[in-house]
Amino acid sequence: MSERNIEPSHHPRAQEATKLDALLQAVRVGWNDVAAGRYTDVEDAQLEDFIDQLGQQASRRKWDD
């Protein structure tokens, strides 16, 4: 019989719980930013350009660090 690497059933659930906790924390941070006025209102027609600019800024920061 061949051996298989079988994870305990609780392991995937623990990973899901960790991901969910991180997502909920990000949501809290996001809503706190909105409540404090830390956001940029973007028109639908400008959304793609805005996202491209964010990507460019993120790339520059990554290489500047």
PDB file of N, CA and C in Angstrom:
ATOM      1  N   MET A   1       0.853  -1.172   0.000  1.00  0.00           N
ATOM      2  CA  MET A   1       0.000   0.000   0.000  1.00  0.00           C
ATOM      3  C   MET A   1       0.905   1.243   0.000  1.00  0.00           C
ATOM      4  N   SER A   2       0.569   2.224  -0.827  1.00  0.00           N
ATOM      5  CA  SER A   2       1.386   3.434  -0.898  1.00  0.00           C
ATOM      6  C   SER A   2       1.044   4.366   0.258  1.00  0.00           C
ATOM      7  N   GLU A   3       2.064   5.111   0.670  1.00  0.00           N
ATOM      8  CA  GLU A   3       1.856   6.063   1.757  1.00  0.00           C
ATOM      9  C   GLU A   3       1.321   7.366   1.195  1.00  0.00           C
ATOM     10  N   ARG A   4       0.426   7.967   1.926  1.00  0.00           N
ATOM     11  CA  ARG A   4      -0.094   9.275   1.541  1.00  0.00           C
ATOM     12  C   ARG A   4       0.131  10.247   2.679  1.00  0.00           C
ATOM     13  N   ASN A   5       0.352  11.498   2.291  1.00  0.00           N
ATOM     14  CA  ASN A   5       0.498  12.550   3.290  1.00  0.00           C
ATOM     15  C   ASN A   5      -0.892  13.090   3.588  1.00  0.00           C
ATOM     16  N   ILE A   6      -1.477  12.648   4.682  1.00  0.00           N
ATOM     17  CA  ILE A   6      -2.839  13.051   5.034  1.00  0.00           C
ATOM     18  C   ILE A   6      -2.775  14.012   6.211  1.00  0.00           C
ATOM     19  N   GLU A   7      -3.376  15.175   6.007  1.00  0.00           N
ATOM     20  CA  GLU A   7      -3.406  16.171   7.072  1.00  0.00           C
ATOM     21  C   GLU A   7      -4.564  15.873   8.012  1.00  0.00           C
ATOM     22  N   PRO A   8      -4.395  16.150   9.264  1.00  0.00           N
ATOM     23  CA  PRO A   8      -5.537  16.017  10.180  1.00  0.00           C
ATOM     24  C   PRO A   8      -6.669  16.930   9.723  1.00  0.00           C
ATOM     25  N   SER A   9      -7.891  16.519   9.946  1.00  0.00           N
ATOM     26  CA  SER A   9      -9.037  17.286   9.452  1.00  0.00           C
ATOM     27  C   SER A   9      -9.130  18.670  10.079  1.00  0.00           C
ATOM     28  N   HIS A  10      -8.551  18.868  11.253  1.00  0.00           N
ATOM     29  CA  HIS A  10      -8.630  20.174  11.899  1.00  0.00           C
ATOM     30  C   HIS A  10      -7.687  21.187  11.243  1.00  0.00           C
ATOM     31  N   HIS A  11      -6.661  20.706  10.549  1.00  0.00           N
ATOM     32  CA  HIS A  11      -5.674  21.620   9.962  1.00  0.00           C
ATOM     33  C   HIS A  11      -6.288  22.552   8.914  1.00  0.00           C
ATOM     34  N   PRO A  12      -7.024  22.026   7.918  1.00  0.00           N
ATOM     35  CA  PRO A  12      -7.642  22.950   6.941  1.00  0.00           C
ATOM     36  C   PRO A  12      -8.614  23.936   7.591  1.00  0.00           C
ATOM     37  N   ARG A  13      -9.334  23.483   8.603  1.00  0.00           N
ATOM     38  CA  ARG A  13     -10.269  24.385   9.283  1.00  0.00           C
ATOM     39  C   ARG A  13      -9.518  25.482  10.021  1.00  0.00           C
ATOM     40  N   ALA A  14      -8.389  25.137  10.609  1.00  0.00           N
ATOM     41  CA  ALA A  14      -7.577  26.138  11.307  1.00  0.00           C
ATOM     42  C   ALA A  14      -7.045  27.162  10.318  1.00  0.00           C
ATOM     43  N   GLN A  15      -6.633  26.697   9.135  1.00  0.00           N
ATOM     44  CA  GLN A  15      -6.160  27.625   8.107  1.00  0.00           C
ATOM     45  C   GLN A  15      -7.285  28.551   7.664  1.00  0.00           C
ATOM     46  N   GLU A  16      -8.477  28.007   7.460  1.00  0.00           N
ATOM     47  CA  GLU A  16      -9.621  28.823   7.070  1.00  0.00           C
ATOM     48  C   GLU A  16      -9.951  29.847   8.143  1.00  0.00           C
ATOM     49  N   ALA A  17      -9.891  29.444   9.392  1.00  0.00           N
ATOM     50  CA  ALA A  17     -10.182  30.357  10.495  1.00  0.00           C
ATOM     51  C   ALA A  17      -9.156  31.490  10.540  1.00  0.00           C
ATOM     52  N   THR A  18      -7.899  31.155  10.294  1.00  0.00           N
ATOM     53  CA  THR A  18      -6.845  32.173  10.283  1.00  0.00           C
ATOM     54  C   THR A  18      -7.076  33.169   9.151  1.00  0.00           C
ATOM     55  N   LYS A  19      -7.429  32.650   7.983  1.00  0.00           N
ATOM     56  CA  LYS A  19      -7.706  33.533   6.839  1.00  0.00           C
ATOM     57  C   LYS A  19      -8.919  34.413   7.115  1.00  0.00           C
ATOM     58  N   LEU A  20      -9.936  33.832   7.719  1.00  0.00           N
ATOM     59  CA  LEU A  20     -11.136  34.605   8.044  1.00  0.00           C
ATOM     60  C   LEU A  20     -10.824  35.705   9.051  1.00  0.00           C
ATOM     61  N   ASP A  21     -10.021  35.395  10.049  1.00  0.00           N
ATOM     62  CA  ASP A  21      -9.621  36.411  11.032  1.00  0.00           C
ATOM     63  C   ASP A  21      -8.879  37.561  10.361  1.00  0.00           C
ATOM     64  N   ALA A  22      -7.971  37.234   9.442  1.00  0.00           N
ATOM     65  CA  ALA A  22      -7.213  38.269   8.725  1.00  0.00           C
ATOM     66  C   ALA A  22      -8.155  39.112   7.874  1.00  0.00           C
ATOM     67  N   LEU A  23      -9.108  38.476   7.215  1.00  0.00           N
ATOM     68  CA  LEU A  23     -10.073  39.200   6.389  1.00  0.00           C
ATOM     69  C   LEU A  23     -10.929  40.136   7.242  1.00  0.00           C
ATOM     70  N   LEU A  24     -11.406  39.652   8.375  1.00  0.00           N
ATOM     71  CA  LEU A  24     -12.228  40.489   9.258  1.00  0.00           C
ATOM     72  C   LEU A  24     -11.438  41.672   9.798  1.00  0.00           C
ATOM     73  N   GLN A  25     -10.164  41.466  10.106  1.00  0.00           N
ATOM     74  CA  GLN A  25      -9.307  42.559  10.563  1.00  0.00           C
ATOM     75  C   GLN A  25      -9.149  43.600   9.448  1.00  0.00           C
ATOM     76  N   ALA A  26      -8.947  43.139   8.217  1.00  0.00           N
ATOM     77  CA  ALA A  26      -8.809  44.064   7.083  1.00  0.00           C
ATOM     78  C   ALA A  26     -10.099  44.854   6.861  1.00  0.00           C
ATOM     79  N   VAL A  27     -11.225  44.201   7.041  1.00  0.00           N
ATOM     80  CA  VAL A  27     -12.519  44.881   6.900  1.00  0.00           C
ATOM     81  C   VAL A  27     -12.664  45.963   7.965  1.00  0.00           C
ATOM     82  N   ARG A  28     -12.297  45.645   9.200  1.00  0.00           N
ATOM     83  CA  ARG A  28     -12.377  46.640  10.281  1.00  0.00           C
ATOM     84  C   ARG A  28     -11.496  47.851   9.974  1.00  0.00           C
ATOM     85  N   VAL A  29     -10.281  47.595   9.525  1.00  0.00           N
ATOM     86  CA  VAL A  29      -9.370  48.689   9.176  1.00  0.00           C
ATOM     87  C   VAL A  29      -9.977  49.532   8.053  1.00  0.00           C
ATOM     88  N   GLY A  30     -10.506  48.863   7.039  1.00  0.00           N
ATOM     89  CA  GLY A  30     -11.105  49.579   5.915  1.00  0.00           C
ATOM     90  C   GLY A  30     -12.281  50.446   6.324  1.00  0.00           C
ATOM     91  N   TRP A  31     -13.190  49.896   7.115  1.00  0.00           N
ATOM     92  CA  TRP A  31     -14.349  50.676   7.545  1.00  0.00           C
ATOM     93  C   TRP A  31     -13.945  51.816   8.481  1.00  0.00           C
ATOM     94  N   ASN A  32     -12.935  51.599   9.297  1.00  0.00           N
ATOM     95  CA  ASN A  32     -12.432  52.686  10.146  1.00  0.00           C
ATOM     96  C   ASN A  32     -11.850  53.804   9.286  1.00  0.00           C
ATOM     97  N   ASP A  33     -11.146  53.450   8.219  1.00  0.00           N
ATOM     98  CA  ASP A  33     -10.619  54.460   7.299  1.00  0.00           C
ATOM     99  C   ASP A  33     -11.751  55.244   6.638  1.00  0.00           C
ATOM    100  N   VAL A  34     -12.780  54.543   6.195  1.00  0.00           N
ATOM    101  CA  VAL A  34     -13.924  55.223   5.563  1.00  0.00           C
ATOM    102  C   VAL A  34     -14.578  56.165   6.569  1.00  0.00           C
ATOM    103  N   ALA A  35     -14.797  55.696   7.778  1.00  0.00           N
ATOM    104  CA  ALA A  35     -15.441  56.529   8.801  1.00  0.00           C
ATOM    105  C   ALA A  35     -14.611  57.769   9.118  1.00  0.00           C
ATOM    106  N   ALA A  36     -13.281  57.644   9.002  1.00  0.00           N
ATOM    107  CA  ALA A  36     -12.397  58.779   9.297  1.00  0.00           C
ATOM    108  C   ALA A  36     -12.145  59.655   8.070  1.00  0.00           C
ATOM    109  N   GLY A  37     -12.767  59.298   6.933  1.00  0.00           N
ATOM    110  CA  GLY A  37     -12.603  60.106   5.727  1.00  0.00           C
ATOM    111  C   GLY A  37     -11.326  59.813   4.951  1.00  0.00           C
ATOM    112  N   ARG A  38     -10.661  58.711   5.271  1.00  0.00           N
ATOM    113  CA  ARG A  38      -9.419  58.347   4.574  1.00  0.00           C
ATOM    114  C   ARG A  38      -9.745  57.439   3.395  1.00  0.00           C
ATOM    115  N   TYR A  39     -10.253  58.040   2.336  1.00  0.00           N
ATOM    116  CA  TYR A  39     -10.563  57.299   1.116  1.00  0.00           C
ATOM    117  C   TYR A  39     -10.578  58.272  -0.053  1.00  0.00           C
ATOM    118  N   THR A  40     -10.536  57.735  -1.246  1.00  0.00           N
ATOM    119  CA  THR A  40     -10.610  58.532  -2.458  1.00  0.00           C
ATOM    120  C   THR A  40     -11.850  58.118  -3.223  1.00  0.00           C
ATOM    121  N   ASP A  41     -12.702  59.073  -3.539  1.00  0.00           N
ATOM    122  CA  ASP A  41     -13.909  58.806  -4.307  1.00  0.00           C
ATOM    123  C   ASP A  41     -13.536  58.827  -5.786  1.00  0.00           C
ATOM    124  N   VAL A  42     -13.785  57.741  -6.476  1.00  0.00           N
ATOM    125  CA  VAL A  42     -13.388  57.606  -7.874  1.00  0.00           C
ATOM    126  C   VAL A  42     -14.628  57.350  -8.728  1.00  0.00           C
ATOM    127  N   GLU A  43     -14.746  58.107  -9.806  1.00  0.00           N
ATOM    128  CA  GLU A  43     -15.850  57.894 -10.747  1.00  0.00           C
ATOM    129  C   GLU A  43     -15.655  56.561 -11.460  1.00  0.00           C
ATOM    130  N   ASP A  44     -16.751  55.924 -11.844  1.00  0.00           N
ATOM    131  CA  ASP A  44     -16.671  54.632 -12.529  1.00  0.00           C
ATOM    132  C   ASP A  44     -15.765  54.691 -13.757  1.00  0.00           C
ATOM    133  N   ALA A  45     -15.876  55.745 -14.534  1.00  0.00           N
ATOM    134  CA  ALA A  45     -15.104  55.869 -15.765  1.00  0.00           C
ATOM    135  C   ALA A  45     -13.599  56.006 -15.506  1.00  0.00           C
ATOM    136  N   GLN A  46     -13.232  56.406 -14.296  1.00  0.00           N
ATOM    137  CA  GLN A  46     -11.818  56.609 -13.957  1.00  0.00           C
ATOM    138  C   GLN A  46     -11.238  55.466 -13.119  1.00  0.00           C
ATOM    139  N   LEU A  47     -12.049  54.485 -12.818  1.00  0.00           N
ATOM    140  CA  LEU A  47     -11.629  53.433 -11.899  1.00  0.00           C
ATOM    141  C   LEU A  47     -10.429  52.641 -12.410  1.00  0.00           C
ATOM    142  N   GLU A  48     -10.447  52.248 -13.670  1.00  0.00           N
ATOM    143  CA  GLU A  48      -9.339  51.453 -14.205  1.00  0.00           C
ATOM    144  C   GLU A  48      -8.022  52.221 -14.135  1.00  0.00           C
ATOM    145  N   ASP A  49      -8.033  53.499 -14.513  1.00  0.00           N
ATOM    146  CA  ASP A  49      -6.814  54.317 -14.429  1.00  0.00           C
ATOM    147  C   ASP A  49      -6.356  54.465 -12.981  1.00  0.00           C
ATOM    148  N   PHE A  50      -7.292  54.643 -12.080  1.00  0.00           N
ATOM    149  CA  PHE A  50      -6.954  54.794 -10.665  1.00  0.00           C
ATOM    150  C   PHE A  50      -6.267  53.533 -10.129  1.00  0.00           C
ATOM    151  N   ILE A  51      -6.819  52.376 -10.481  1.00  0.00           N
ATOM    152  CA  ILE A  51      -6.236  51.114 -10.029  1.00  0.00           C
ATOM    153  C   ILE A  51      -4.851  50.918 -10.642  1.00  0.00           C
ATOM    154  N   ASP A  52      -4.684  51.286 -11.909  1.00  0.00           N
ATOM    155  CA  ASP A  52      -3.357  51.207 -12.538  1.00  0.00           C
ATOM    156  C   ASP A  52      -2.352  52.071 -11.783  1.00  0.00           C
ATOM    157  N   GLN A  53      -2.764  53.270 -11.408  1.00  0.00           N
ATOM    158  CA  GLN A  53      -1.871  54.168 -10.660  1.00  0.00           C
ATOM    159  C   GLN A  53      -1.497  53.570  -9.302  1.00  0.00           C
ATOM    160  N   LEU A  54      -2.464  52.956  -8.636  1.00  0.00           N
ATOM    161  CA  LEU A  54      -2.164  52.305  -7.358  1.00  0.00           C
ATOM    162  C   LEU A  54      -1.136  51.188  -7.550  1.00  0.00           C
ATOM    163  N   GLY A  55      -1.288  50.423  -8.613  1.00  0.00           N
ATOM    164  CA  GLY A  55      -0.343  49.351  -8.902  1.00  0.00           C
ATOM    165  C   GLY A  55       1.055  49.889  -9.154  1.00  0.00           C
ATOM    166  N   GLN A  56       1.144  50.990  -9.880  1.00  0.00           N
ATOM    167  CA  GLN A  56       2.445  51.608 -10.151  1.00  0.00           C
ATOM    168  C   GLN A  56       3.083  52.111  -8.859  1.00  0.00           C
ATOM    169  N   GLN A  57       2.278  52.736  -8.003  1.00  0.00           N
ATOM    170  CA  GLN A  57       2.795  53.217  -6.716  1.00  0.00           C
ATOM    171  C   GLN A  57       3.293  52.049  -5.865  1.00  0.00           C
ATOM    172  N   ALA A  58       2.539  50.974  -5.846  1.00  0.00           N
ATOM    173  CA  ALA A  58       2.921  49.801  -5.057  1.00  0.00           C
ATOM    174  C   ALA A  58       4.233  49.211  -5.595  1.00  0.00           C
ATOM    175  N   SER A  59       4.383  49.166  -6.905  1.00  0.00           N
ATOM    176  CA  SER A  59       5.614  48.635  -7.503  1.00  0.00           C
ATOM    177  C   SER A  59       6.806  49.487  -7.132  1.00  0.00           C
ATOM    178  N   ARG A  60       6.632  50.795  -7.168  1.00  0.00           N
ATOM    179  CA  ARG A  60       7.743  51.691  -6.804  1.00  0.00           C
ATOM    180  C   ARG A  60       8.112  51.495  -5.343  1.00  0.00           C
ATOM    181  N   ARG A  61       7.129  51.376  -4.476  1.00  0.00           N
ATOM    182  CA  ARG A  61       7.408  51.177  -3.044  1.00  0.00           C
ATOM    183  C   ARG A  61       8.128  49.868  -2.806  1.00  0.00           C
ATOM    184  N   LYS A  62       7.735  48.838  -3.526  1.00  0.00           N
ATOM    185  CA  LYS A  62       8.356  47.531  -3.358  1.00  0.00           C
ATOM    186  C   LYS A  62       9.847  47.615  -3.683  1.00  0.00           C
ATOM    187  N   TRP A  63      10.191  48.317  -4.722  1.00  0.00           N
ATOM    188  CA  TRP A  63      11.592  48.402  -5.136  1.00  0.00           C
ATOM    189  C   TRP A  63      12.361  49.438  -4.337  1.00  0.00           C
ATOM    190  N   ASP A  64      11.666  50.383  -3.707  1.00  0.00           N
ATOM    191  CA  ASP A  64      12.335  51.403  -2.900  1.00  0.00           C
ATOM    192  C   ASP A  64      12.715  50.879  -1.515  1.00  0.00           C
ATOM    193  N   ASP A  65      12.025  49.855  -1.041  1.00  0.00           N
ATOM    194  CA  ASP A  65      12.278  49.333   0.318  1.00  0.00           C
ATOM    195  C   ASP A  65      13.611  48.643   0.432  1.00  0.00           C
TER     196      ASP A  65
END
